[in-house]
N, C-alpha and C. Protein backbone atom coordinates (compact mmCIF):
# COMPACT_ATOMS: atom_id res chain seq x y z
N MET A 1 8.29 -12.48 -3.63
CA MET A 1 7.97 -11.70 -4.99
C MET A 1 9.22 -10.71 -5.16
N ILE A 2 9.32 -11.05 -6.49
CA ILE A 2 10.35 -10.20 -7.16
C ILE A 2 9.97 -8.34 -7.10
N GLN A 3 10.54 -7.70 -6.97
CA GLN A 3 9.69 -5.96 -7.42
C GLN A 3 10.59 -5.43 -8.54
N ILE A 4 9.41 -5.55 -9.31
CA ILE A 4 9.56 -4.72 -10.53
C ILE A 4 9.11 -3.12 -10.68
N ASP A 5 10.08 -2.20 -10.79
CA ASP A 5 9.46 -0.93 -10.83
C ASP A 5 8.18 -0.38 -11.78
N ARG A 6 7.31 0.30 -11.43
CA ARG A 6 6.46 0.57 -12.48
C ARG A 6 6.84 1.70 -12.50
N VAL A 7 6.76 2.48 -14.11
CA VAL A 7 7.36 4.01 -13.93
C VAL A 7 5.96 4.86 -14.34
N VAL A 8 6.00 6.14 -14.63
CA VAL A 8 4.82 6.80 -14.82
C VAL A 8 5.08 7.31 -15.79
N ASN A 9 6.41 7.93 -16.09
CA ASN A 9 6.55 8.98 -17.39
C ASN A 9 8.27 8.74 -17.45
N ALA A 10 8.33 7.55 -18.54
CA ALA A 10 9.66 7.10 -18.45
C ALA A 10 10.45 7.81 -20.05
N ASP A 11 11.56 8.13 -19.97
CA ASP A 11 12.68 8.63 -21.17
C ASP A 11 12.62 7.68 -22.12
N ARG A 12 12.15 7.16 -23.10
CA ARG A 12 12.65 6.06 -23.74
C ARG A 12 13.63 6.10 -24.31
N ASP A 13 14.35 7.01 -24.65
CA ASP A 13 15.65 7.27 -24.97
C ASP A 13 16.46 6.55 -23.99
N ASN A 14 16.26 6.34 -22.91
CA ASN A 14 17.40 5.54 -22.05
C ASN A 14 17.25 3.95 -21.74
N TYR A 15 16.13 3.34 -22.59
CA TYR A 15 16.41 1.96 -22.84
C TYR A 15 16.60 1.50 -23.67
N ASP A 16 17.28 0.34 -24.18
CA ASP A 16 18.21 -0.28 -24.33
C ASP A 16 16.65 -0.62 -25.37
N LEU A 17 15.30 -1.71 -24.86
CA LEU A 17 14.18 -2.37 -25.75
C LEU A 17 13.42 -1.86 -25.24
N VAL A 18 12.30 -1.07 -26.13
CA VAL A 18 10.86 -0.63 -25.61
C VAL A 18 9.85 -1.58 -26.52
N CYS A 19 9.15 -2.16 -25.49
CA CYS A 19 8.44 -2.98 -25.96
C CYS A 19 6.89 -2.96 -25.55
N HIS A 20 5.97 -3.29 -26.16
CA HIS A 20 4.60 -3.09 -25.96
C HIS A 20 4.11 -4.36 -26.22
N PHE A 21 2.92 -4.64 -25.54
CA PHE A 21 2.12 -5.81 -25.43
C PHE A 21 0.77 -5.25 -24.97
N ASP A 22 -0.22 -6.24 -25.81
CA ASP A 22 -1.67 -6.25 -25.82
C ASP A 22 -2.67 -7.29 -25.85
N GLY A 23 -3.48 -7.57 -24.93
CA GLY A 23 -4.08 -9.03 -25.48
C GLY A 23 -5.20 -8.35 -25.19
N GLY A 24 -6.54 -8.92 -26.06
CA GLY A 24 -8.27 -8.96 -25.72
C GLY A 24 -8.80 -10.06 -25.96
N CYS A 25 -9.85 -10.19 -25.85
CA CYS A 25 -10.77 -11.32 -26.14
C CYS A 25 -12.73 -10.89 -26.18
N ASN A 26 -13.18 -11.71 -26.56
CA ASN A 26 -14.66 -10.80 -26.45
C ASN A 26 -15.04 -11.75 -25.19
N ASN A 27 -15.32 -10.69 -24.46
CA ASN A 27 -15.59 -11.41 -23.01
C ASN A 27 -17.21 -11.89 -22.95
N LYS A 28 -17.95 -11.46 -23.76
CA LYS A 28 -19.30 -11.93 -23.50
C LYS A 28 -19.75 -13.10 -23.85
N THR A 29 -18.49 -14.01 -25.57
CA THR A 29 -18.59 -15.10 -25.71
C THR A 29 -17.48 -15.92 -25.77
N HIS A 30 -16.35 -15.01 -24.87
CA HIS A 30 -15.11 -15.96 -24.16
C HIS A 30 -14.58 -16.34 -25.34
N SER A 31 -14.83 -15.64 -26.52
CA SER A 31 -13.79 -16.09 -27.48
C SER A 31 -12.96 -15.49 -28.23
N ASN A 32 -12.18 -15.87 -29.31
CA ASN A 32 -11.51 -14.93 -29.95
C ASN A 32 -10.35 -14.47 -29.31
N ALA A 33 -9.32 -14.72 -28.44
CA ALA A 33 -8.54 -14.26 -27.46
C ALA A 33 -7.36 -14.07 -28.12
N TYR A 34 -6.81 -12.80 -28.43
CA TYR A 34 -5.55 -12.62 -29.36
C TYR A 34 -4.40 -12.04 -28.67
N GLY A 35 -3.25 -11.62 -28.85
CA GLY A 35 -2.02 -11.27 -27.95
C GLY A 35 -1.49 -10.94 -28.82
N SER A 36 -0.93 -9.60 -28.89
CA SER A 36 0.48 -9.19 -29.54
C SER A 36 1.48 -8.59 -28.61
N TYR A 37 2.85 -8.32 -29.30
CA TYR A 37 3.68 -7.52 -28.59
C TYR A 37 4.64 -6.90 -30.19
N ARG A 38 5.70 -5.95 -29.60
CA ARG A 38 6.67 -5.74 -30.51
C ARG A 38 7.36 -5.14 -29.47
N ILE A 39 9.00 -5.77 -30.21
CA ILE A 39 10.33 -4.71 -29.45
C ILE A 39 11.06 -4.07 -30.69
N ARG A 40 11.36 -3.29 -30.09
CA ARG A 40 12.28 -1.91 -30.39
C ARG A 40 13.35 -2.45 -29.59
N ASN A 41 14.39 -2.55 -30.55
CA ASN A 41 15.74 -2.05 -30.03
C ASN A 41 16.64 -1.29 -30.56
N LYS A 42 16.93 -0.34 -30.14
CA LYS A 42 17.63 0.81 -30.31
C LYS A 42 18.73 0.86 -31.32
N ASN A 43 19.02 -0.50 -30.99
CA ASN A 43 20.45 -0.65 -31.96
C ASN A 43 19.91 -1.43 -33.37
N LEU A 44 18.65 -1.98 -33.02
CA LEU A 44 18.04 -2.27 -34.32
C LEU A 44 18.82 -3.51 -34.92
N SER A 45 19.10 -4.46 -33.78
CA SER A 45 19.55 -5.77 -33.76
C SER A 45 18.72 -6.97 -34.21
N PHE A 46 17.49 -6.18 -33.97
CA PHE A 46 15.55 -7.05 -33.75
C PHE A 46 14.75 -6.30 -34.59
N HIS A 47 14.79 -6.50 -35.38
CA HIS A 47 13.78 -5.92 -36.41
C HIS A 47 11.91 -5.89 -35.72
N PRO A 48 11.62 -4.71 -35.72
CA PRO A 48 10.77 -4.05 -34.33
C PRO A 48 9.24 -4.16 -35.49
N ARG A 49 9.02 -5.53 -35.63
CA ARG A 49 7.93 -6.03 -36.49
C ARG A 49 6.75 -6.46 -35.31
N VAL A 50 5.47 -6.41 -35.56
CA VAL A 50 4.18 -6.52 -34.70
C VAL A 50 3.96 -8.49 -34.69
N PHE A 51 4.23 -9.18 -33.64
CA PHE A 51 3.85 -10.53 -33.79
C PHE A 51 2.83 -10.38 -32.99
N THR A 52 1.56 -11.29 -33.68
CA THR A 52 0.29 -11.44 -32.48
C THR A 52 -0.01 -12.84 -32.85
N TYR A 53 -0.48 -13.60 -31.73
CA TYR A 53 -1.11 -14.61 -31.54
C TYR A 53 -2.69 -15.35 -30.99
N LYS A 54 -3.16 -16.17 -31.24
CA LYS A 54 -4.16 -16.79 -30.83
C LYS A 54 -4.17 -17.64 -30.17
N TYR A 55 -5.29 -17.35 -28.59
CA TYR A 55 -4.89 -18.26 -28.12
C TYR A 55 -6.38 -19.08 -27.69
N PRO A 56 -6.74 -20.43 -28.18
CA PRO A 56 -8.33 -20.62 -27.78
C PRO A 56 -8.56 -21.26 -26.66
N ASP A 57 -7.66 -21.26 -25.43
CA ASP A 57 -7.83 -21.70 -23.94
C ASP A 57 -8.36 -20.10 -23.59
N VAL A 58 -8.04 -19.18 -23.92
CA VAL A 58 -8.20 -17.91 -22.94
C VAL A 58 -9.76 -17.45 -22.91
N ASN A 59 -10.27 -17.12 -21.80
CA ASN A 59 -11.48 -16.58 -21.62
C ASN A 59 -11.94 -15.47 -21.23
N THR A 60 -10.63 -14.50 -21.06
CA THR A 60 -11.23 -13.02 -20.76
C THR A 60 -9.83 -12.38 -21.02
N SER A 61 -10.13 -10.82 -21.24
CA SER A 61 -9.52 -10.02 -21.49
C SER A 61 -7.94 -10.12 -21.21
N ASN A 62 -8.43 -9.83 -19.23
CA ASN A 62 -7.13 -10.18 -18.81
C ASN A 62 -6.42 -11.12 -18.91
N GLU A 63 -6.63 -12.46 -19.02
CA GLU A 63 -6.18 -13.46 -19.28
C GLU A 63 -5.25 -13.23 -20.48
N ALA A 64 -6.52 -13.01 -21.58
CA ALA A 64 -4.78 -12.62 -23.01
C ALA A 64 -4.07 -11.64 -22.47
N GLU A 65 -4.56 -10.84 -21.84
CA GLU A 65 -3.34 -9.50 -21.42
C GLU A 65 -1.90 -10.30 -20.94
N TYR A 66 -2.24 -11.43 -19.95
CA TYR A 66 -0.82 -12.04 -19.25
C TYR A 66 -0.42 -13.18 -20.45
N GLU A 67 -1.24 -13.33 -21.48
CA GLU A 67 -0.50 -14.16 -22.49
C GLU A 67 0.34 -13.75 -23.05
N ALA A 68 -0.10 -12.37 -23.27
CA ALA A 68 0.47 -11.67 -24.48
C ALA A 68 2.23 -10.96 -24.11
N MET A 69 1.77 -10.73 -22.62
CA MET A 69 2.86 -10.76 -21.82
C MET A 69 3.61 -11.36 -21.44
N LYS A 70 3.00 -12.90 -21.80
CA LYS A 70 4.02 -13.98 -21.58
C LYS A 70 5.03 -14.23 -22.85
N TYR A 71 4.43 -13.77 -23.85
CA TYR A 71 4.96 -14.02 -25.29
C TYR A 71 6.19 -13.63 -25.31
N LEU A 72 5.79 -12.20 -25.27
CA LEU A 72 6.70 -10.90 -24.90
C LEU A 72 7.92 -11.25 -24.48
N LEU A 73 8.04 -11.52 -23.03
CA LEU A 73 8.88 -11.85 -22.11
C LEU A 73 9.80 -12.94 -22.33
N ARG A 74 8.73 -14.28 -22.97
CA ARG A 74 9.96 -15.19 -23.63
C ARG A 74 10.89 -14.74 -25.06
N ALA A 75 10.20 -14.20 -25.85
CA ALA A 75 10.78 -13.37 -26.75
C ALA A 75 12.29 -12.57 -26.38
N ILE A 76 12.00 -12.10 -25.36
CA ILE A 76 13.21 -11.01 -24.46
C ILE A 76 14.45 -11.94 -24.10
N LEU A 77 13.56 -12.88 -23.50
CA LEU A 77 14.89 -14.18 -22.81
C LEU A 77 15.45 -14.71 -24.21
N SER A 78 14.73 -14.92 -25.08
CA SER A 78 14.96 -15.67 -26.23
C SER A 78 16.07 -15.25 -27.19
N HIS A 79 15.80 -13.76 -27.82
CA HIS A 79 16.61 -13.40 -28.72
C HIS A 79 17.30 -12.45 -27.83
N PHE A 80 17.35 -11.98 -26.60
CA PHE A 80 18.36 -11.16 -26.07
C PHE A 80 18.85 -11.84 -24.54
N ILE A 81 18.40 -12.10 -23.68
CA ILE A 81 18.73 -12.57 -22.59
C ILE A 81 19.47 -13.64 -22.81
N SER A 82 19.68 -14.83 -23.43
CA SER A 82 19.80 -16.50 -23.95
C SER A 82 21.31 -15.98 -24.51
N LYS A 83 21.68 -14.82 -25.20
CA LYS A 83 22.64 -14.55 -25.93
C LYS A 83 23.36 -13.53 -25.38
N GLY A 84 23.47 -13.29 -23.72
CA GLY A 84 24.52 -12.26 -23.20
C GLY A 84 24.01 -10.95 -23.11
N TRP A 85 23.08 -10.90 -23.90
CA TRP A 85 22.85 -9.52 -23.46
C TRP A 85 22.18 -8.82 -22.08
N VAL A 86 23.08 -7.52 -22.32
CA VAL A 86 22.28 -6.79 -20.72
C VAL A 86 22.05 -5.68 -21.27
N GLY A 87 20.98 -5.16 -20.59
CA GLY A 87 20.53 -3.57 -20.79
C GLY A 87 19.40 -3.17 -20.06
N LYS A 88 18.42 -2.22 -20.29
CA LYS A 88 17.86 -1.69 -20.10
C LYS A 88 16.43 -1.85 -20.54
N ILE A 89 15.25 -2.45 -20.08
CA ILE A 89 13.69 -2.58 -20.68
C ILE A 89 12.86 -1.76 -20.42
N LEU A 90 12.26 -1.25 -21.07
CA LEU A 90 11.30 -0.69 -20.54
C LEU A 90 9.56 -1.84 -21.46
N VAL A 91 8.87 -2.27 -20.49
CA VAL A 91 7.80 -2.80 -21.04
C VAL A 91 6.16 -2.17 -20.76
N ILE A 92 5.68 -1.88 -22.07
CA ILE A 92 4.63 -1.08 -22.10
C ILE A 92 3.22 -1.84 -22.40
N GLY A 93 2.14 -1.37 -21.64
CA GLY A 93 1.19 -2.24 -22.06
C GLY A 93 -0.33 -0.80 -21.28
N ASP A 94 -1.37 -1.34 -21.46
CA ASP A 94 -2.67 -0.37 -21.30
C ASP A 94 -3.24 -1.48 -20.33
N SER A 95 -3.10 -2.61 -19.53
CA SER A 95 -3.74 -3.18 -19.41
C SER A 95 -2.94 -2.75 -17.74
N ALA A 96 -3.96 -1.55 -16.62
CA ALA A 96 -3.23 -1.26 -15.67
C ALA A 96 -3.28 -2.51 -14.47
N LEU A 97 -4.02 -3.30 -14.92
CA LEU A 97 -4.38 -4.81 -14.10
C LEU A 97 -3.64 -5.20 -14.21
N VAL A 98 -2.82 -5.79 -15.07
CA VAL A 98 -1.23 -6.45 -15.22
C VAL A 98 0.17 -5.72 -14.75
N VAL A 99 -0.18 -4.69 -15.32
CA VAL A 99 1.11 -3.48 -14.85
C VAL A 99 1.53 -3.87 -13.38
N ASN A 100 0.06 -3.46 -12.83
CA ASN A 100 0.07 -2.93 -11.38
C ASN A 100 0.62 -4.09 -11.16
N GLN A 101 -0.67 -5.35 -11.21
CA GLN A 101 0.41 -6.43 -10.05
C GLN A 101 1.07 -7.17 -10.81
N LEU A 102 1.79 -7.10 -11.62
CA LEU A 102 3.36 -7.47 -11.69
C LEU A 102 4.34 -6.53 -11.30
N SER A 103 3.79 -5.39 -10.92
CA SER A 103 4.70 -4.36 -10.41
C SER A 103 4.76 -4.62 -8.91
N GLY A 104 3.63 -5.37 -8.41
CA GLY A 104 3.42 -5.46 -6.87
C GLY A 104 2.57 -4.46 -5.81
N ILE A 105 2.12 -4.26 -6.87
CA ILE A 105 1.26 -2.56 -6.23
C ILE A 105 -0.25 -3.04 -5.72
N TRP A 106 -0.73 -4.15 -6.92
CA TRP A 106 -2.39 -4.80 -6.49
C TRP A 106 -1.55 -5.96 -6.56
N LYS A 107 -3.12 -6.88 -5.40
CA LYS A 107 -2.69 -8.19 -5.38
C LYS A 107 -3.63 -8.80 -6.32
N VAL A 108 -3.35 -10.09 -6.82
CA VAL A 108 -4.12 -10.78 -7.66
C VAL A 108 -5.20 -11.90 -7.08
N SER A 109 -6.37 -11.26 -7.25
CA SER A 109 -7.55 -11.61 -6.39
C SER A 109 -8.17 -12.09 -7.15
N SER A 110 -8.28 -12.64 -8.71
CA SER A 110 -9.02 -13.42 -9.95
C SER A 110 -8.33 -15.02 -9.52
N PRO A 111 -8.77 -16.30 -9.14
CA PRO A 111 -8.02 -17.45 -9.53
C PRO A 111 -7.79 -17.52 -10.85
N ASN A 112 -8.46 -17.35 -11.38
CA ASN A 112 -7.97 -17.62 -13.27
C ASN A 112 -6.65 -16.67 -14.07
N LEU A 113 -6.35 -15.83 -12.83
CA LEU A 113 -5.14 -14.92 -13.08
C LEU A 113 -3.78 -15.42 -12.44
N ALA A 114 -4.13 -15.97 -11.45
CA ALA A 114 -2.85 -16.35 -10.75
C ALA A 114 -1.69 -17.62 -11.23
N SER A 115 -2.01 -18.48 -11.96
CA SER A 115 -0.95 -19.00 -12.97
C SER A 115 -0.34 -18.31 -13.75
N PRO A 116 -1.33 -17.61 -14.83
CA PRO A 116 -0.08 -16.30 -15.79
C PRO A 116 0.43 -15.60 -15.00
N HIS A 117 0.25 -15.43 -13.45
CA HIS A 117 0.63 -13.56 -12.96
C HIS A 117 1.87 -14.79 -12.52
N LYS A 118 2.10 -15.89 -11.60
CA LYS A 118 2.76 -16.36 -11.24
C LYS A 118 3.95 -16.74 -12.32
N GLU A 119 3.55 -17.20 -14.07
CA GLU A 119 4.54 -17.00 -14.78
C GLU A 119 5.36 -16.17 -15.31
N CYS A 120 4.67 -15.26 -15.37
CA CYS A 120 5.31 -14.09 -15.79
C CYS A 120 6.40 -13.46 -15.03
N SER A 121 6.01 -13.74 -13.14
CA SER A 121 6.21 -13.12 -12.60
C SER A 121 7.68 -13.70 -12.60
N GLY A 122 7.97 -15.14 -12.80
CA GLY A 122 8.82 -15.98 -12.76
C GLY A 122 10.05 -15.72 -13.98
N LEU A 123 9.61 -15.27 -15.08
CA LEU A 123 10.18 -15.03 -16.39
C LEU A 123 10.48 -13.35 -16.47
N LEU A 124 10.03 -12.70 -15.69
CA LEU A 124 10.42 -11.34 -15.31
C LEU A 124 11.68 -11.45 -14.31
N LYS A 125 11.56 -12.52 -13.21
CA LYS A 125 12.99 -12.66 -12.15
C LYS A 125 14.23 -13.37 -13.35
N MET A 126 13.74 -13.86 -14.20
CA MET A 126 14.75 -14.53 -14.68
C MET A 126 15.40 -13.27 -15.74
N ILE A 127 14.82 -12.62 -16.24
CA ILE A 127 15.25 -11.13 -17.30
C ILE A 127 16.23 -9.89 -16.04
N ARG A 128 15.50 -10.00 -14.50
CA ARG A 128 16.18 -9.05 -13.72
C ARG A 128 17.44 -9.86 -13.62
N GLU A 129 17.39 -10.59 -13.69
CA GLU A 129 19.16 -10.96 -13.07
C GLU A 129 20.17 -10.62 -13.98
N LYS A 130 19.55 -10.17 -15.70
CA LYS A 130 20.80 -9.62 -16.57
C LYS A 130 20.59 -8.24 -17.13
N ALA A 131 18.96 -7.69 -16.71
CA ALA A 131 18.79 -6.39 -17.23
C ALA A 131 17.60 -5.87 -15.97
N VAL A 132 17.71 -4.39 -16.18
CA VAL A 132 17.08 -3.86 -15.47
C VAL A 132 15.64 -3.28 -16.07
N VAL A 133 14.24 -3.88 -15.70
CA VAL A 133 13.23 -3.94 -16.46
C VAL A 133 12.20 -2.84 -15.36
N ASN A 134 11.38 -1.87 -16.24
CA ASN A 134 10.39 -1.17 -15.78
C ASN A 134 9.28 -1.77 -16.94
N LEU A 135 8.13 -1.37 -15.81
CA LEU A 135 6.48 -1.86 -16.23
C LEU A 135 5.96 -0.41 -16.73
N MET A 136 5.49 -0.03 -17.11
CA MET A 136 4.62 1.02 -17.83
C MET A 136 3.55 1.08 -18.42
N TRP A 137 2.43 1.58 -17.45
CA TRP A 137 1.21 1.46 -18.54
C TRP A 137 0.57 2.86 -18.88
N VAL A 138 0.76 3.22 -20.72
CA VAL A 138 0.16 3.99 -21.22
C VAL A 138 -1.19 3.44 -21.29
N PRO A 139 -2.44 4.76 -22.02
CA PRO A 139 -3.56 4.76 -22.49
C PRO A 139 -3.82 3.79 -23.62
N ARG A 140 -4.59 3.39 -24.29
CA ARG A 140 -5.13 2.49 -25.16
C ARG A 140 -4.70 3.14 -26.40
N THR A 141 -4.89 4.32 -26.78
CA THR A 141 -4.24 4.94 -28.35
C THR A 141 -2.57 4.81 -28.39
N GLU A 142 -2.10 4.75 -27.24
CA GLU A 142 -0.52 4.14 -28.25
C GLU A 142 -0.45 3.20 -28.29
N ILE A 143 -0.92 2.13 -27.91
CA ILE A 143 -0.59 0.75 -28.13
C ILE A 143 -1.43 0.51 -29.36
N VAL A 144 -2.77 0.60 -29.78
CA VAL A 144 -3.48 1.02 -31.22
C VAL A 144 -2.09 1.31 -32.25
N GLU A 145 -1.60 2.72 -31.82
CA GLU A 145 -0.87 3.06 -32.92
C GLU A 145 0.54 2.41 -32.85
N VAL A 146 1.14 1.43 -31.78
CA VAL A 146 2.10 0.70 -32.04
C VAL A 146 1.76 -0.36 -32.78
N LEU A 147 0.71 -1.28 -32.37
CA LEU A 147 0.40 -2.53 -32.61
C LEU A 147 -0.58 -2.35 -33.57
N GLY A 148 -1.23 -1.66 -34.26
CA GLY A 148 -2.37 -1.62 -35.21
C GLY A 148 -3.64 -2.06 -34.78
N HIS A 149 -4.03 -2.51 -33.40
CA HIS A 149 -5.50 -2.78 -32.71
C HIS A 149 -5.41 -2.41 -31.48
């Protein structure tokens, strides 16, 4: 398993990309799953708008968080890494579970999270071949401020 560094307080000015992600779902009805992400490039070559997706086959908030992370990582690969970009990336989320599992601090114990964890770990590994990646947990209030939900 690849080790991704988890940071507690990062100076965001030291990163070329600052990315936020979030996912959610109505856990009572197992419906209305969604995810969003935003990539802010300090060189502004990629517009920092919020991208939001709906996930019809996702049944829990934790699954939705992983889906949002997966969409974010794919965007980083397609818009930056595949074009030869090299730099430092800070990925920020309010899911302690996702941040700590992908950092290797917590184990994945839920069977429904094993596959999305494996896929995100693989995407992070590809990104790490060209860039430094750090993950950081933040309180929900920051996610709401940045992504609007």
